[in-house]
Amino acid sequence: VPPEPRFQRMPPMPVISLSGRPVSDPVAFIRPEALSAPLPEAAAVALDLDATVDVAALSPYLSRVALIRVAFPGFADGRGFSLARRLRAMGYRGRIRAHGPLIPDQRAALEGCGFDEVELAAVVLDRQGGAAAWSARPARSPFDRRRQRPASSRATAA
C-alpha cells in the first residue's frame, strides 16, 4: 500500500462565511501527523482534522496554522462542535471551517462553538437552496457565547 501523501489537494467546494471574515483557500490541507515536519514558510497550509483527533497534542503547532478544517461525518455527529470549542478554549484564533453534510439549522451551534466557515459539497448546497439558506441568522440562540445579565442585576436610574 503506497503511503498517504503529506499534502492533500481536494477539489474546490463552496465555502460559506458565518463570521463575515474573508474566505480564502489554502494551498493544501495537511493531516496532524505532518505537523512535525518542516513546512514551507510562504505556503498557506491548513490543518485537516477528523472528529477523533486529540486536540491537546496539537497545541504546540496551532500558532503555525491559519485554518483548521473539521470534518463532520454526518449532520447528527456532534463531535466536531466539541473539537471547535476545545480549540477556541486553547486560544486558537485562526479560522475554523466545518466540512461535511451540515444543515442551515446548525448555524447557531456552529457559530457558538467558534466556527467561521462551512464547506459543503455543491450538490448538498443546491439541495438546501443555495447560500441564501445559510444567510438567515436566528434572533436569539441558546448557543450564543454572549452572556446576558438578568434584569435584576442591571443598574437602575433613580
C-alpha atoms as a PDB file:
ATOM      1  CA  VAL A   1       0.000   0.000   0.000  1.00  0.00           C
ATOM      2  CA  PRO A   2       1.564   3.335  -1.017  1.00  0.00           C
ATOM      3  CA  PRO A   3       1.965   5.877   1.791  1.00  0.00           C
ATOM      4  CA  GLU A   4      -0.575   8.694   2.015  1.00  0.00           C
ATOM      5  CA  PRO A   5       0.805  11.943   0.565  1.00  0.00           C
ATOM      6  CA  ARG A   6       1.812  14.586   3.089  1.00  0.00           C
ATOM      7  CA  PHE A   7      -0.202  17.279   1.325  1.00  0.00           C
ATOM      8  CA  GLN A   8      -3.712  16.588   0.163  1.00  0.00           C
ATOM      9  CA  ARG A   9      -5.367  18.543  -2.661  1.00  0.00           C
ATOM     10  CA  MET A  10      -9.139  18.484  -2.699  1.00  0.00           C
ATOM     11  CA  PRO A  11     -11.462  19.682  -5.438  1.00  0.00           C
ATOM     12  CA  PRO A  12     -12.869  23.093  -4.557  1.00  0.00           C
ATOM     13  CA  MET A  13     -16.191  23.066  -2.732  1.00  0.00           C
ATOM     14  CA  PRO A  14     -18.435  26.010  -1.915  1.00  0.00           C
ATOM     15  CA  VAL A  15     -17.460  27.730   1.343  1.00  0.00           C
ATOM     16  CA  ILE A  16     -19.890  29.961   3.258  1.00  0.00           C
ATOM     17  CA  SER A  17     -18.603  32.541   5.745  1.00  0.00           C
ATOM     18  CA  LEU A  18     -20.522  32.554   9.035  1.00  0.00           C
ATOM     19  CA  SER A  19     -18.442  35.244  10.707  1.00  0.00           C
ATOM     20  CA  GLY A  20     -18.014  37.754   7.903  1.00  0.00           C
ATOM     21  CA  ARG A  21     -14.283  37.009   7.773  1.00  0.00           C
ATOM     22  CA  PRO A  22     -12.934  36.703   4.222  1.00  0.00           C
ATOM     23  CA  VAL A  23     -12.873  33.174   2.841  1.00  0.00           C
ATOM     24  CA  SER A  24      -9.678  32.045   1.121  1.00  0.00           C
ATOM     25  CA  ASP A  25      -8.466  28.576   0.352  1.00  0.00           C
ATOM     26  CA  PRO A  26      -5.026  27.409   1.433  1.00  0.00           C
ATOM     27  CA  VAL A  27      -2.539  25.867  -0.952  1.00  0.00           C
ATOM     28  CA  ALA A  28      -3.061  22.483   0.697  1.00  0.00           C
ATOM     29  CA  PHE A  29      -4.500  20.780   3.734  1.00  0.00           C
ATOM     30  CA  ILE A  30      -2.233  18.601   5.866  1.00  0.00           C
ATOM     31  CA  ARG A  31      -3.020  15.867   8.365  1.00  0.00           C
ATOM     32  CA  PRO A  32      -1.890  16.297  12.020  1.00  0.00           C
ATOM     33  CA  GLU A  33       0.900  13.722  11.654  1.00  0.00           C
ATOM     34  CA  ALA A  34       2.626  16.013   9.110  1.00  0.00           C
ATOM     35  CA  LEU A  35       2.868  18.961  11.538  1.00  0.00           C
ATOM     36  CA  SER A  36       6.217  17.921  12.964  1.00  0.00           C
ATOM     37  CA  ALA A  37       7.864  18.135   9.518  1.00  0.00           C
ATOM     38  CA  PRO A  38       9.197  21.487   8.302  1.00  0.00           C
ATOM     39  CA  LEU A  39       6.590  23.458   6.368  1.00  0.00           C
ATOM     40  CA  PRO A  40       7.363  25.978   3.635  1.00  0.00           C
ATOM     41  CA  GLU A  41       7.232  29.488   5.087  1.00  0.00           C
ATOM     42  CA  ALA A  42       5.324  31.087   2.216  1.00  0.00           C
ATOM     43  CA  ALA A  43       2.779  28.317   1.712  1.00  0.00           C
ATOM     44  CA  ALA A  44      -0.704  28.802   3.056  1.00  0.00           C
ATOM     45  CA  VAL A  45      -1.170  25.374   4.604  1.00  0.00           C
ATOM     46  CA  ALA A  46      -4.198  24.374   6.643  1.00  0.00           C
ATOM     47  CA  LEU A  47      -4.885  21.521   9.017  1.00  0.00           C
ATOM     48  CA  ASP A  48      -7.449  18.836   8.191  1.00  0.00           C
ATOM     49  CA  LEU A  49      -8.930  17.165  11.294  1.00  0.00           C
ATOM     50  CA  ASP A  50     -11.401  14.399  11.850  1.00  0.00           C
ATOM     51  CA  ALA A  51     -13.519  14.183  14.980  1.00  0.00           C
ATOM     52  CA  THR A  52     -11.265  11.627  16.687  1.00  0.00           C
ATOM     53  CA  VAL A  53      -8.113  13.772  16.942  1.00  0.00           C
ATOM     54  CA  ASP A  54      -6.573  14.653  20.305  1.00  0.00           C
ATOM     55  CA  VAL A  55      -6.523  18.460  20.184  1.00  0.00           C
ATOM     56  CA  ALA A  56      -4.240  18.731  23.217  1.00  0.00           C
ATOM     57  CA  ALA A  57      -1.459  17.120  21.145  1.00  0.00           C
ATOM     58  CA  LEU A  58      -1.860  19.895  18.535  1.00  0.00           C
ATOM     59  CA  SER A  59      -1.223  22.727  20.997  1.00  0.00           C
ATOM     60  CA  PRO A  60       2.457  23.334  20.098  1.00  0.00           C
ATOM     61  CA  TYR A  61       1.580  23.697  16.398  1.00  0.00           C
ATOM     62  CA  LEU A  62      -1.549  25.860  16.473  1.00  0.00           C
ATOM     63  CA  SER A  63       0.323  29.154  16.069  1.00  0.00           C
ATOM     64  CA  ARG A  64       1.597  27.914  12.659  1.00  0.00           C
ATOM     65  CA  VAL A  65      -1.891  27.129  11.306  1.00  0.00           C
ATOM     66  CA  ALA A  66      -4.199  29.802   9.869  1.00  0.00           C
ATOM     67  CA  LEU A  67      -7.124  27.491   9.059  1.00  0.00           C
ATOM     68  CA  ILE A  68      -8.395  24.263  10.589  1.00  0.00           C
ATOM     69  CA  ARG A  69     -10.990  22.222   8.718  1.00  0.00           C
ATOM     70  CA  VAL A  70     -13.041  19.949  10.985  1.00  0.00           C
ATOM     71  CA  ALA A  71     -14.760  17.006   9.308  1.00  0.00           C
ATOM     72  CA  PHE A  72     -18.318  16.125  10.275  1.00  0.00           C
ATOM     73  CA  PRO A  73     -19.022  12.524   9.176  1.00  0.00           C
ATOM     74  CA  GLY A  74     -22.787  13.152   9.394  1.00  0.00           C
ATOM     75  CA  PHE A  75     -25.099  16.019  10.307  1.00  0.00           C
ATOM     76  CA  ALA A  76     -26.099  14.215  13.526  1.00  0.00           C
ATOM     77  CA  ASP A  77     -22.480  13.714  14.688  1.00  0.00           C
ATOM     78  CA  GLY A  78     -21.681  16.438  17.230  1.00  0.00           C
ATOM     79  CA  ARG A  79     -18.013  15.665  17.930  1.00  0.00           C
ATOM     80  CA  GLY A  80     -16.902  18.462  15.591  1.00  0.00           C
ATOM     81  CA  PHE A  81     -18.701  21.021  17.773  1.00  0.00           C
ATOM     82  CA  SER A  82     -16.743  19.849  20.830  1.00  0.00           C
ATOM     83  CA  LEU A  83     -13.481  19.890  18.900  1.00  0.00           C
ATOM     84  CA  ALA A  84     -14.002  23.513  17.780  1.00  0.00           C
ATOM     85  CA  ARG A  85     -14.937  24.609  21.298  1.00  0.00           C
ATOM     86  CA  ARG A  86     -11.769  22.989  22.674  1.00  0.00           C
ATOM     87  CA  LEU A  87      -9.615  24.664  20.010  1.00  0.00           C
ATOM     88  CA  ARG A  88     -11.049  28.079  20.965  1.00  0.00           C
ATOM     89  CA  ALA A  89     -10.575  27.314  24.680  1.00  0.00           C
ATOM     90  CA  MET A  90      -6.905  26.534  23.941  1.00  0.00           C
ATOM     91  CA  GLY A  91      -6.549  30.029  22.484  1.00  0.00           C
ATOM     92  CA  TYR A  92      -6.674  29.236  18.763  1.00  0.00           C
ATOM     93  CA  ARG A  93      -7.622  32.457  16.925  1.00  0.00           C
ATOM     94  CA  GLY A  94      -7.380  31.312  13.313  1.00  0.00           C
ATOM     95  CA  ARG A  95     -10.276  30.305  11.094  1.00  0.00           C
ATOM     96  CA  ILE A  96     -12.172  27.094  11.798  1.00  0.00           C
ATOM     97  CA  ARG A  97     -14.119  25.557   8.916  1.00  0.00           C
ATOM     98  CA  ALA A  98     -16.804  22.875   9.299  1.00  0.00           C
ATOM     99  CA  HIS A  99     -16.753  20.333   6.478  1.00  0.00           C
ATOM    100  CA  GLY A 100     -19.440  17.767   5.805  1.00  0.00           C
ATOM    101  CA  PRO A 101     -23.181  17.241   5.414  1.00  0.00           C
ATOM    102  CA  LEU A 102     -24.331  20.036   7.709  1.00  0.00           C
ATOM    103  CA  ILE A 103     -27.696  21.793   7.562  1.00  0.00           C
ATOM    104  CA  PRO A 104     -28.573  25.502   7.916  1.00  0.00           C
ATOM    105  CA  ASP A 105     -30.408  24.831  11.197  1.00  0.00           C
ATOM    106  CA  GLN A 106     -26.994  24.108  12.736  1.00  0.00           C
ATOM    107  CA  ARG A 107     -25.664  27.610  12.031  1.00  0.00           C
ATOM    108  CA  ALA A 108     -26.224  28.934  15.562  1.00  0.00           C
ATOM    109  CA  ALA A 109     -24.472  25.926  17.108  1.00  0.00           C
ATOM    110  CA  LEU A 110     -21.573  26.253  14.667  1.00  0.00           C
ATOM    111  CA  GLU A 111     -21.105  29.951  15.449  1.00  0.00           C
ATOM    112  CA  GLY A 112     -21.489  29.366  19.179  1.00  0.00           C
ATOM    113  CA  CYS A 113     -18.699  26.791  19.151  1.00  0.00           C
ATOM    114  CA  GLY A 114     -16.344  29.054  17.220  1.00  0.00           C
ATOM    115  CA  PHE A 115     -16.709  28.046  13.568  1.00  0.00           C
ATOM    116  CA  ASP A 116     -16.100  30.769  10.980  1.00  0.00           C
ATOM    117  CA  GLU A 117     -16.996  28.884   7.802  1.00  0.00           C
ATOM    118  CA  VAL A 118     -18.919  25.935   6.416  1.00  0.00           C
ATOM    119  CA  GLU A 119     -17.724  23.889   3.447  1.00  0.00           C
ATOM    120  CA  LEU A 120     -20.362  21.820   1.690  1.00  0.00           C
ATOM    121  CA  ALA A 121     -20.492  19.721  -1.443  1.00  0.00           C
ATOM    122  CA  ALA A 122     -22.114  21.709  -4.255  1.00  0.00           C
ATOM    123  CA  VAL A 123     -24.911  19.155  -4.613  1.00  0.00           C
ATOM    124  CA  VAL A 124     -25.732  19.439  -0.882  1.00  0.00           C
ATOM    125  CA  LEU A 125     -25.718  23.237  -1.001  1.00  0.00           C
ATOM    126  CA  ASP A 126     -28.021  23.216  -4.045  1.00  0.00           C
ATOM    127  CA  ARG A 127     -30.405  20.812  -2.308  1.00  0.00           C
ATOM    128  CA  GLN A 128     -30.548  23.196   0.669  1.00  0.00           C
ATOM    129  CA  GLY A 129     -31.498  26.165  -1.504  1.00  0.00           C
ATOM    130  CA  GLY A 130     -28.041  27.664  -2.007  1.00  0.00           C
ATOM    131  CA  ALA A 131     -26.031  30.049   0.160  1.00  0.00           C
ATOM    132  CA  ALA A 132     -29.173  32.073   0.938  1.00  0.00           C
ATOM    133  CA  ALA A 133     -30.376  29.236   3.201  1.00  0.00           C
ATOM    134  CA  TRP A 134     -27.282  29.822   5.360  1.00  0.00           C
ATOM    135  CA  SER A 135     -27.569  33.623   5.477  1.00  0.00           C
ATOM    136  CA  ALA A 136     -30.524  33.803   7.881  1.00  0.00           C
ATOM    137  CA  ARG A 137     -29.347  34.390  11.433  1.00  0.00           C
ATOM    138  CA  PRO A 138     -31.554  33.463  14.360  1.00  0.00           C
ATOM    139  CA  ALA A 139     -32.527  36.448  16.508  1.00  0.00           C
ATOM    140  CA  ARG A 140     -31.501  34.658  19.675  1.00  0.00           C
ATOM    141  CA  SER A 141     -29.893  31.303  20.239  1.00  0.00           C
ATOM    142  CA  PRO A 142     -29.037  29.159  23.255  1.00  0.00           C
ATOM    143  CA  PHE A 143     -25.614  28.686  21.643  1.00  0.00           C
ATOM    144  CA  ASP A 144     -24.669  32.379  21.778  1.00  0.00           C
ATOM    145  CA  ARG A 145     -21.382  32.958  23.536  1.00  0.00           C
ATOM    146  CA  ARG A 146     -22.579  36.322  24.772  1.00  0.00           C
ATOM    147  CA  ARG A 147     -23.998  36.244  28.252  1.00  0.00           C
ATOM    148  CA  GLN A 148     -26.956  38.387  29.064  1.00  0.00           C
ATOM    149  CA  ARG A 149     -27.216  39.777  32.563  1.00  0.00           C
ATOM    150  CA  PRO A 150     -30.529  39.172  34.320  1.00  0.00           C
ATOM    151  CA  ALA A 151     -32.776  42.237  34.622  1.00  0.00           C
ATOM    152  CA  SER A 152     -32.422  42.269  38.425  1.00  0.00           C
ATOM    153  CA  SER A 153     -28.659  42.887  38.242  1.00  0.00           C
ATOM    154  CA  ARG A 154     -28.881  45.889  35.920  1.00  0.00           C
ATOM    155  CA  ALA A 155     -28.319  49.292  37.410  1.00  0.00           C
ATOM    156  CA  THR A 156     -31.491  51.334  37.585  1.00  0.00           C
ATOM    157  CA  ALA A 157     -31.717  55.074  37.268  1.00  0.00           C
ATOM    158  CA  ALA A 158     -33.216  56.854  40.240  1.00  0.00           C
END
